Amino acid sequence: MARVESRSPHKQRRSAVTHPNLLTLDEARQELRIGRSTIFKHLNSGALKDVRIGGRRFIALTEIERVLKDGLPSCKPKLGRVRRNLWSV
């Protein structure tokens, strides 16, 4: 049997993009210590800016530094339709 060498566990894989100042969403999420759904909420609300390259999304290191310095606004869940009791009018 041929032996397959695995990557060294202590080496961190950087994003496949050649530009070193861009992080994948997963790398940015780990830097900001927020969850996957939270990072998408901030991206969709415009509080966090991303760069799209070839269908993939990246976040610039300057954007990460800005967020770490200034913070992100709270992501309040959008409330659905308000239900009213028509009998209590």
PDB file of N, CA and C in Angstrom:
ATOM      1  N   MET A   1       0.833  -1.186   0.000  1.00  0.00           N
ATOM      2  CA  MET A   1       0.000   0.000   0.000  1.00  0.00           C
ATOM      3  C   MET A   1       0.874   1.244   0.000  1.00  0.00           C
ATOM      4  N   ALA A   2       0.447   2.233  -0.753  1.00  0.00           N
ATOM      5  CA  ALA A   2       1.176   3.499  -0.781  1.00  0.00           C
ATOM      6  C   ALA A   2       0.725   4.341   0.404  1.00  0.00           C
ATOM      7  N   ARG A   3       1.667   4.968   1.017  1.00  0.00           N
ATOM      8  CA  ARG A   3       1.361   5.802   2.173  1.00  0.00           C
ATOM      9  C   ARG A   3       1.111   7.237   1.714  1.00  0.00           C
ATOM     10  N   VAL A   4       0.029   7.812   2.169  1.00  0.00           N
ATOM     11  CA  VAL A   4      -0.332   9.179   1.797  1.00  0.00           C
ATOM     12  C   VAL A   4       0.065  10.090   2.942  1.00  0.00           C
ATOM     13  N   GLU A   5       0.851  11.100   2.615  1.00  0.00           N
ATOM     14  CA  GLU A   5       1.264  12.052   3.649  1.00  0.00           C
ATOM     15  C   GLU A   5       0.168  13.087   3.843  1.00  0.00           C
ATOM     16  N   SER A   6      -0.104  13.378   5.087  1.00  0.00           N
ATOM     17  CA  SER A   6      -1.096  14.413   5.375  1.00  0.00           C
ATOM     18  C   SER A   6      -0.378  15.730   5.632  1.00  0.00           C
ATOM     19  N   ARG A   7      -1.135  16.790   5.553  1.00  0.00           N
ATOM     20  CA  ARG A   7      -0.559  18.105   5.836  1.00  0.00           C
ATOM     21  C   ARG A   7      -0.209  18.206   7.310  1.00  0.00           C
ATOM     22  N   SER A   8       0.760  19.016   7.585  1.00  0.00           N
ATOM     23  CA  SER A   8       1.143  19.239   8.967  1.00  0.00           C
ATOM     24  C   SER A   8      -0.013  19.922   9.696  1.00  0.00           C
ATOM     25  N   PRO A   9      -0.410  19.455  10.867  1.00  0.00           N
ATOM     26  CA  PRO A   9      -1.563  20.037  11.553  1.00  0.00           C
ATOM     27  C   PRO A   9      -1.317  21.446  12.063  1.00  0.00           C
ATOM     28  N   HIS A  10      -0.067  21.864  12.221  1.00  0.00           N
ATOM     29  CA  HIS A  10       0.182  23.200  12.756  1.00  0.00           C
ATOM     30  C   HIS A  10       0.216  24.273  11.673  1.00  0.00           C
ATOM     31  N   LYS A  11       0.167  23.913  10.413  1.00  0.00           N
ATOM     32  CA  LYS A  11       0.147  24.903   9.346  1.00  0.00           C
ATOM     33  C   LYS A  11      -1.288  25.313   9.077  1.00  0.00           C
ATOM     34  N   GLN A  12      -1.523  26.624   9.101  1.00  0.00           N
ATOM     35  CA  GLN A  12      -2.856  27.114   8.798  1.00  0.00           C
ATOM     36  C   GLN A  12      -2.969  27.363   7.306  1.00  0.00           C
ATOM     37  N   ARG A  13      -4.081  26.992   6.755  1.00  0.00           N
ATOM     38  CA  ARG A  13      -4.313  27.214   5.342  1.00  0.00           C
ATOM     39  C   ARG A  13      -4.913  28.597   5.159  1.00  0.00           C
ATOM     40  N   ARG A  14      -4.290  29.400   4.356  1.00  0.00           N
ATOM     41  CA  ARG A  14      -4.826  30.712   4.026  1.00  0.00           C
ATOM     42  C   ARG A  14      -5.722  30.565   2.811  1.00  0.00           C
ATOM     43  N   SER A  15      -6.463  31.584   2.512  1.00  0.00           N
ATOM     44  CA  SER A  15      -7.385  31.508   1.387  1.00  0.00           C
ATOM     45  C   SER A  15      -6.628  31.305   0.083  1.00  0.00           C
ATOM     46  N   ALA A  16      -7.302  30.698  -0.874  1.00  0.00           N
ATOM     47  CA  ALA A  16      -6.689  30.348  -2.142  1.00  0.00           C
ATOM     48  C   ALA A  16      -6.463  31.563  -3.033  1.00  0.00           C
ATOM     49  N   VAL A  17      -6.994  32.692  -2.659  1.00  0.00           N
ATOM     50  CA  VAL A  17      -6.801  33.912  -3.440  1.00  0.00           C
ATOM     51  C   VAL A  17      -5.369  34.374  -3.259  1.00  0.00           C
ATOM     52  N   THR A  18      -4.789  34.896  -4.331  1.00  0.00           N
ATOM     53  CA  THR A  18      -3.390  35.309  -4.263  1.00  0.00           C
ATOM     54  C   THR A  18      -3.193  36.581  -3.459  1.00  0.00           C
ATOM     55  N   HIS A  19      -4.241  37.345  -3.229  1.00  0.00           N
ATOM     56  CA  HIS A  19      -4.114  38.589  -2.482  1.00  0.00           C
ATOM     57  C   HIS A  19      -4.100  38.286  -0.990  1.00  0.00           C
ATOM     58  N   PRO A  20      -3.032  38.635  -0.291  1.00  0.00           N
ATOM     59  CA  PRO A  20      -2.926  38.262   1.127  1.00  0.00           C
ATOM     60  C   PRO A  20      -3.821  39.071   2.059  1.00  0.00           C
ATOM     61  N   ASN A  21      -4.421  40.159   1.574  1.00  0.00           N
ATOM     62  CA  ASN A  21      -5.250  40.997   2.438  1.00  0.00           C
ATOM     63  C   ASN A  21      -6.720  40.639   2.397  1.00  0.00           C
ATOM     64  N   LEU A  22      -7.048  39.499   1.817  1.00  0.00           N
ATOM     65  CA  LEU A  22      -8.429  39.046   1.775  1.00  0.00           C
ATOM     66  C   LEU A  22      -8.581  37.762   2.572  1.00  0.00           C
ATOM     67  N   LEU A  23      -9.670  37.689   3.331  1.00  0.00           N
ATOM     68  CA  LEU A  23      -9.978  36.495   4.115  1.00  0.00           C
ATOM     69  C   LEU A  23     -11.260  35.877   3.592  1.00  0.00           C
ATOM     70  N   THR A  24     -11.334  34.560   3.652  1.00  0.00           N
ATOM     71  CA  THR A  24     -12.596  33.903   3.329  1.00  0.00           C
ATOM     72  C   THR A  24     -13.586  34.234   4.440  1.00  0.00           C
ATOM     73  N   LEU A  25     -14.852  33.959   4.200  1.00  0.00           N
ATOM     74  CA  LEU A  25     -15.861  34.239   5.229  1.00  0.00           C
ATOM     75  C   LEU A  25     -15.608  33.418   6.484  1.00  0.00           C
ATOM     76  N   ASP A  26     -15.141  32.199   6.308  1.00  0.00           N
ATOM     77  CA  ASP A  26     -14.858  31.355   7.475  1.00  0.00           C
ATOM     78  C   ASP A  26     -13.685  31.922   8.277  1.00  0.00           C
ATOM     79  N   GLU A  27     -12.642  32.381   7.591  1.00  0.00           N
ATOM     80  CA  GLU A  27     -11.502  32.975   8.291  1.00  0.00           C
ATOM     81  C   GLU A  27     -11.910  34.266   8.989  1.00  0.00           C
ATOM     82  N   ALA A  28     -12.720  35.084   8.325  1.00  0.00           N
ATOM     83  CA  ALA A  28     -13.186  36.334   8.927  1.00  0.00           C
ATOM     84  C   ALA A  28     -14.073  36.054  10.133  1.00  0.00           C
ATOM     85  N   ARG A  29     -14.915  35.034  10.004  1.00  0.00           N
ATOM     86  CA  ARG A  29     -15.795  34.651  11.111  1.00  0.00           C
ATOM     87  C   ARG A  29     -14.987  34.251  12.336  1.00  0.00           C
ATOM     88  N   GLN A  30     -13.903  33.515  12.102  1.00  0.00           N
ATOM     89  CA  GLN A  30     -13.047  33.101  13.212  1.00  0.00           C
ATOM     90  C   GLN A  30     -12.319  34.290  13.829  1.00  0.00           C
ATOM     91  N   GLU A  31     -11.884  35.235  12.993  1.00  0.00           N
ATOM     92  CA  GLU A  31     -11.208  36.429  13.517  1.00  0.00           C
ATOM     93  C   GLU A  31     -12.161  37.268  14.374  1.00  0.00           C
ATOM     94  N   LEU A  32     -13.408  37.393  13.913  1.00  0.00           N
ATOM     95  CA  LEU A  32     -14.388  38.215  14.626  1.00  0.00           C
ATOM     96  C   LEU A  32     -15.079  37.460  15.753  1.00  0.00           C
ATOM     97  N   ARG A  33     -14.884  36.139  15.777  1.00  0.00           N
ATOM     98  CA  ARG A  33     -15.495  35.277  16.792  1.00  0.00           C
ATOM     99  C   ARG A  33     -17.013  35.401  16.801  1.00  0.00           C
ATOM    100  N   ILE A  34     -17.577  35.269  15.600  1.00  0.00           N
ATOM    101  CA  ILE A  34     -19.022  35.275  15.461  1.00  0.00           C
ATOM    102  C   ILE A  34     -19.431  34.044  14.656  1.00  0.00           C
ATOM    103  N   GLY A  35     -20.682  33.705  14.713  1.00  0.00           N
ATOM    104  CA  GLY A  35     -21.182  32.526  14.027  1.00  0.00           C
ATOM    105  C   GLY A  35     -21.422  32.754  12.547  1.00  0.00           C
ATOM    106  N   ARG A  36     -21.670  31.663  11.857  1.00  0.00           N
ATOM    107  CA  ARG A  36     -21.870  31.719  10.408  1.00  0.00           C
ATOM    108  C   ARG A  36     -23.125  32.516  10.046  1.00  0.00           C
ATOM    109  N   SER A  37     -24.212  32.285  10.754  1.00  0.00           N
ATOM    110  CA  SER A  37     -25.439  33.022  10.438  1.00  0.00           C
ATOM    111  C   SER A  37     -25.293  34.500  10.776  1.00  0.00           C
ATOM    112  N   THR A  38     -24.541  34.818  11.814  1.00  0.00           N
ATOM    113  CA  THR A  38     -24.340  36.213  12.207  1.00  0.00           C
ATOM    114  C   THR A  38     -23.545  36.963  11.159  1.00  0.00           C
ATOM    115  N   ILE A  39     -22.507  36.347  10.603  1.00  0.00           N
ATOM    116  CA  ILE A  39     -21.716  37.044   9.587  1.00  0.00           C
ATOM    117  C   ILE A  39     -22.565  37.302   8.351  1.00  0.00           C
ATOM    118  N   PHE A  40     -23.455  36.375   7.996  1.00  0.00           N
ATOM    119  CA  PHE A  40     -24.331  36.595   6.843  1.00  0.00           C
ATOM    120  C   PHE A  40     -25.360  37.678   7.131  1.00  0.00           C
ATOM    121  N   LYS A  41     -25.847  37.784   8.363  1.00  0.00           N
ATOM    122  CA  LYS A  41     -26.773  38.859   8.719  1.00  0.00           C
ATOM    123  C   LYS A  41     -26.100  40.214   8.549  1.00  0.00           C
ATOM    124  N   HIS A  42     -24.842  40.331   9.001  1.00  0.00           N
ATOM    125  CA  HIS A  42     -24.120  41.596   8.881  1.00  0.00           C
ATOM    126  C   HIS A  42     -23.776  41.902   7.427  1.00  0.00           C
ATOM    127  N   LEU A  43     -23.458  40.895   6.646  1.00  0.00           N
ATOM    128  CA  LEU A  43     -23.184  41.118   5.221  1.00  0.00           C
ATOM    129  C   LEU A  43     -24.443  41.576   4.496  1.00  0.00           C
ATOM    130  N   ASN A  44     -25.564  40.934   4.766  1.00  0.00           N
ATOM    131  CA  ASN A  44     -26.815  41.277   4.091  1.00  0.00           C
ATOM    132  C   ASN A  44     -27.353  42.635   4.517  1.00  0.00           C
ATOM    133  N   SER A  45     -27.077  43.043   5.756  1.00  0.00           N
ATOM    134  CA  SER A  45     -27.548  44.349   6.225  1.00  0.00           C
ATOM    135  C   SER A  45     -26.638  45.484   5.766  1.00  0.00           C
ATOM    136  N   GLY A  46     -25.435  45.151   5.296  1.00  0.00           N
ATOM    137  CA  GLY A  46     -24.504  46.182   4.837  1.00  0.00           C
ATOM    138  C   GLY A  46     -23.557  46.669   5.919  1.00  0.00           C
ATOM    139  N   ALA A  47     -23.667  46.128   7.116  1.00  0.00           N
ATOM    140  CA  ALA A  47     -22.781  46.537   8.210  1.00  0.00           C
ATOM    141  C   ALA A  47     -21.365  46.021   7.998  1.00  0.00           C
ATOM    142  N   LEU A  48     -21.233  44.969   7.227  1.00  0.00           N
ATOM    143  CA  LEU A  48     -19.936  44.363   6.925  1.00  0.00           C
ATOM    144  C   LEU A  48     -19.825  44.283   5.405  1.00  0.00           C
ATOM    145  N   LYS A  49     -18.738  44.807   4.871  1.00  0.00           N
ATOM    146  CA  LYS A  49     -18.560  44.860   3.422  1.00  0.00           C
ATOM    147  C   LYS A  49     -17.720  43.675   2.958  1.00  0.00           C
ATOM    148  N   ASP A  50     -18.115  43.117   1.810  1.00  0.00           N
ATOM    149  CA  ASP A  50     -17.376  41.995   1.259  1.00  0.00           C
ATOM    150  C   ASP A  50     -16.960  42.284  -0.175  1.00  0.00           C
ATOM    151  N   VAL A  51     -16.075  41.423  -0.679  1.00  0.00           N
ATOM    152  CA  VAL A  51     -15.580  41.499  -2.054  1.00  0.00           C
ATOM    153  C   VAL A  51     -15.913  40.166  -2.705  1.00  0.00           C
ATOM    154  N   ARG A  52     -16.455  40.215  -3.896  1.00  0.00           N
ATOM    155  CA  ARG A  52     -16.781  38.977  -4.611  1.00  0.00           C
ATOM    156  C   ARG A  52     -15.780  38.776  -5.739  1.00  0.00           C
ATOM    157  N   ILE A  53     -15.181  37.598  -5.748  1.00  0.00           N
ATOM    158  CA  ILE A  53     -14.226  37.229  -6.794  1.00  0.00           C
ATOM    159  C   ILE A  53     -14.616  35.857  -7.297  1.00  0.00           C
ATOM    160  N   GLY A  54     -15.002  35.791  -8.539  1.00  0.00           N
ATOM    161  CA  GLY A  54     -15.348  34.511  -9.141  1.00  0.00           C
ATOM    162  C   GLY A  54     -16.437  33.749  -8.415  1.00  0.00           C
ATOM    163  N   GLY A  55     -17.419  34.444  -7.910  1.00  0.00           N
ATOM    164  CA  GLY A  55     -18.515  33.784  -7.208  1.00  0.00           C
ATOM    165  C   GLY A  55     -18.243  33.507  -5.740  1.00  0.00           C
ATOM    166  N   ARG A  56     -17.045  33.790  -5.284  1.00  0.00           N
ATOM    167  CA  ARG A  56     -16.710  33.592  -3.860  1.00  0.00           C
ATOM    168  C   ARG A  56     -16.690  34.937  -3.160  1.00  0.00           C
ATOM    169  N   ARG A  57     -16.980  34.923  -1.866  1.00  0.00           N
ATOM    170  CA  ARG A  57     -17.004  36.158  -1.078  1.00  0.00           C
ATOM    171  C   ARG A  57     -15.807  36.193  -0.143  1.00  0.00           C
ATOM    172  N   PHE A  58     -15.203  37.374  -0.063  1.00  0.00           N
ATOM    173  CA  PHE A  58     -14.051  37.600   0.807  1.00  0.00           C
ATOM    174  C   PHE A  58     -14.256  38.894   1.564  1.00  0.00           C
ATOM    175  N   ILE A  59     -13.557  39.022   2.681  1.00  0.00           N
ATOM    176  CA  ILE A  59     -13.595  40.243   3.480  1.00  0.00           C
ATOM    177  C   ILE A  59     -12.168  40.743   3.623  1.00  0.00           C
ATOM    178  N   ALA A  60     -11.982  42.035   3.381  1.00  0.00           N
ATOM    179  CA  ALA A  60     -10.649  42.633   3.452  1.00  0.00           C
ATOM    180  C   ALA A  60     -10.197  42.745   4.907  1.00  0.00           C
ATOM    181  N   LEU A  61      -8.891  42.653   5.108  1.00  0.00           N
ATOM    182  CA  LEU A  61      -8.335  42.787   6.461  1.00  0.00           C
ATOM    183  C   LEU A  61      -8.634  44.167   7.047  1.00  0.00           C
ATOM    184  N   THR A  62      -8.667  45.193   6.211  1.00  0.00           N
ATOM    185  CA  THR A  62      -8.985  46.533   6.712  1.00  0.00           C
ATOM    186  C   THR A  62     -10.404  46.585   7.265  1.00  0.00           C
ATOM    187  N   GLU A  63     -11.312  45.833   6.650  1.00  0.00           N
ATOM    188  CA  GLU A  63     -12.692  45.765   7.143  1.00  0.00           C
ATOM    189  C   GLU A  63     -12.741  45.045   8.493  1.00  0.00           C
ATOM    190  N   ILE A  64     -11.954  43.998   8.641  1.00  0.00           N
ATOM    191  CA  ILE A  64     -11.879  43.278   9.917  1.00  0.00           C
ATOM    192  C   ILE A  64     -11.326  44.201  11.000  1.00  0.00           C
ATOM    193  N   GLU A  65     -10.271  44.955  10.674  1.00  0.00           N
ATOM    194  CA  GLU A  65      -9.684  45.884  11.642  1.00  0.00           C
ATOM    195  C   GLU A  65     -10.675  46.969  12.035  1.00  0.00           C
ATOM    196  N   ARG A  66     -11.458  47.461  11.055  1.00  0.00           N
ATOM    197  CA  ARG A  66     -12.464  48.485  11.352  1.00  0.00           C
ATOM    198  C   ARG A  66     -13.522  47.936  12.310  1.00  0.00           C
ATOM    199  N   VAL A  67     -13.951  46.720  12.061  1.00  0.00           N
ATOM    200  CA  VAL A  67     -14.976  46.115  12.911  1.00  0.00           C
ATOM    201  C   VAL A  67     -14.434  45.863  14.312  1.00  0.00           C
ATOM    202  N   LEU A  68     -13.195  45.402  14.406  1.00  0.00           N
ATOM    203  CA  LEU A  68     -12.605  45.164  15.724  1.00  0.00           C
ATOM    204  C   LEU A  68     -12.439  46.468  16.492  1.00  0.00           C
ATOM    205  N   LYS A  69     -12.179  47.559  15.773  1.00  0.00           N
ATOM    206  CA  LYS A  69     -12.005  48.853  16.424  1.00  0.00           C
ATOM    207  C   LYS A  69     -13.345  49.479  16.804  1.00  0.00           C
ATOM    208  N   ASP A  70     -14.287  49.515  15.838  1.00  0.00           N
ATOM    209  CA  ASP A  70     -15.558  50.216  16.038  1.00  0.00           C
ATOM    210  C   ASP A  70     -16.691  49.319  16.503  1.00  0.00           C
ATOM    211  N   GLY A  71     -16.584  48.034  16.240  1.00  0.00           N
ATOM    212  CA  GLY A  71     -17.658  47.105  16.590  1.00  0.00           C
ATOM    213  C   GLY A  71     -18.713  47.037  15.501  1.00  0.00           C
ATOM    214  N   LEU A  72     -19.598  46.085  15.632  1.00  0.00           N
ATOM    215  CA  LEU A  72     -20.705  45.904  14.705  1.00  0.00           C
ATOM    216  C   LEU A  72     -21.995  46.284  15.409  1.00  0.00           C
ATOM    217  N   PRO A  73     -22.956  46.831  14.664  1.00  0.00           N
ATOM    218  CA  PRO A  73     -24.258  47.096  15.297  1.00  0.00           C
ATOM    219  C   PRO A  73     -24.937  45.786  15.639  1.00  0.00           C
ATOM    220  N   SER A  74     -25.838  45.839  16.591  1.00  0.00           N
ATOM    221  CA  SER A  74     -26.520  44.601  16.973  1.00  0.00           C
ATOM    222  C   SER A  74     -27.401  44.134  15.824  1.00  0.00           C
ATOM    223  N   CYS A  75     -27.468  42.852  15.675  1.00  0.00           N
ATOM    224  CA  CYS A  75     -28.294  42.237  14.625  1.00  0.00           C
ATOM    225  C   CYS A  75     -29.597  41.806  15.259  1.00  0.00           C
ATOM    226  N   LYS A  76     -30.561  42.677  15.222  1.00  0.00           N
ATOM    227  CA  LYS A  76     -31.860  42.315  15.775  1.00  0.00           C
ATOM    228  C   LYS A  76     -32.625  41.535  14.718  1.00  0.00           C
ATOM    229  N   PRO A  77     -33.265  40.468  15.129  1.00  0.00           N
ATOM    230  CA  PRO A  77     -34.031  39.709  14.142  1.00  0.00           C
ATOM    231  C   PRO A  77     -35.206  40.535  13.638  1.00  0.00           C
ATOM    232  N   LYS A  78     -35.512  40.387  12.366  1.00  0.00           N
ATOM    233  CA  LYS A  78     -36.655  41.090  11.805  1.00  0.00           C
ATOM    234  C   LYS A  78     -37.925  40.450  12.345  1.00  0.00           C
ATOM    235  N   LEU A  79     -38.812  41.300  12.803  1.00  0.00           N
ATOM    236  CA  LEU A  79     -40.079  40.802  13.323  1.00  0.00           C
ATOM    237  C   LEU A  79     -41.024  40.532  12.169  1.00  0.00           C
ATOM    238  N   GLY A  80     -41.745  39.492  12.294  1.00  0.00           N
ATOM    239  CA  GLY A  80     -42.723  39.160  11.270  1.00  0.00           C
ATOM    240  C   GLY A  80     -43.944  40.061  11.382  1.00  0.00           C
ATOM    241  N   ARG A  81     -44.976  39.688  10.715  1.00  0.00           N
ATOM    242  CA  ARG A  81     -46.214  40.450  10.736  1.00  0.00           C
ATOM    243  C   ARG A  81     -46.757  40.498  12.160  1.00  0.00           C
ATOM    244  N   VAL A  82     -47.196  41.646  12.576  1.00  0.00           N
ATOM    245  CA  VAL A  82     -47.759  41.796  13.905  1.00  0.00           C
ATOM    246  C   VAL A  82     -49.174  41.240  13.881  1.00  0.00           C
ATOM    247  N   ARG A  83     -49.432  40.319  14.765  1.00  0.00           N
ATOM    248  CA  ARG A  83     -50.763  39.727  14.834  1.00  0.00           C
ATOM    249  C   ARG A  83     -51.603  40.511  15.813  1.00  0.00           C
ATOM    250  N   ARG A  84     -52.751  40.855  15.359  1.00  0.00           N
ATOM    251  CA  ARG A  84     -53.664  41.614  16.212  1.00  0.00           C
ATOM    252  C   ARG A  84     -54.893  40.786  16.516  1.00  0.00           C
ATOM    253  N   ASN A  85     -55.338  40.973  17.683  1.00  0.00           N
ATOM    254  CA  ASN A  85     -56.573  40.298  18.066  1.00  0.00           C
ATOM    255  C   ASN A  85     -57.728  41.203  17.634  1.00  0.00           C
ATOM    256  N   LEU A  86     -58.449  40.778  16.617  1.00  0.00           N
ATOM    257  CA  LEU A  86     -59.516  41.600  16.073  1.00  0.00           C
ATOM    258  C   LEU A  86     -60.705  41.714  17.018  1.00  0.00           C
ATOM    259  N   TRP A  87     -60.814  40.812  17.982  1.00  0.00           N
ATOM    260  CA  TRP A  87     -61.940  40.820  18.889  1.00  0.00           C
ATOM    261  C   TRP A  87     -61.761  41.805  20.035  1.00  0.00           C
ATOM    262  N   SER A  88     -60.535  42.323  20.210  1.00  0.00           N
ATOM    263  CA  SER A  88     -60.311  43.245  21.328  1.00  0.00           C
ATOM    264  C   SER A  88     -60.306  44.698  20.896  1.00  0.00           C
ATOM    265  N   VAL A  89     -60.916  45.022  19.765  1.00  0.00           N
ATOM    266  CA  VAL A  89     -60.916  46.380  19.240  1.00  0.00           C
ATOM    267  C   VAL A  89     -61.827  47.267  20.005  1.00  0.00           C
TER     268      VAL A  89
END
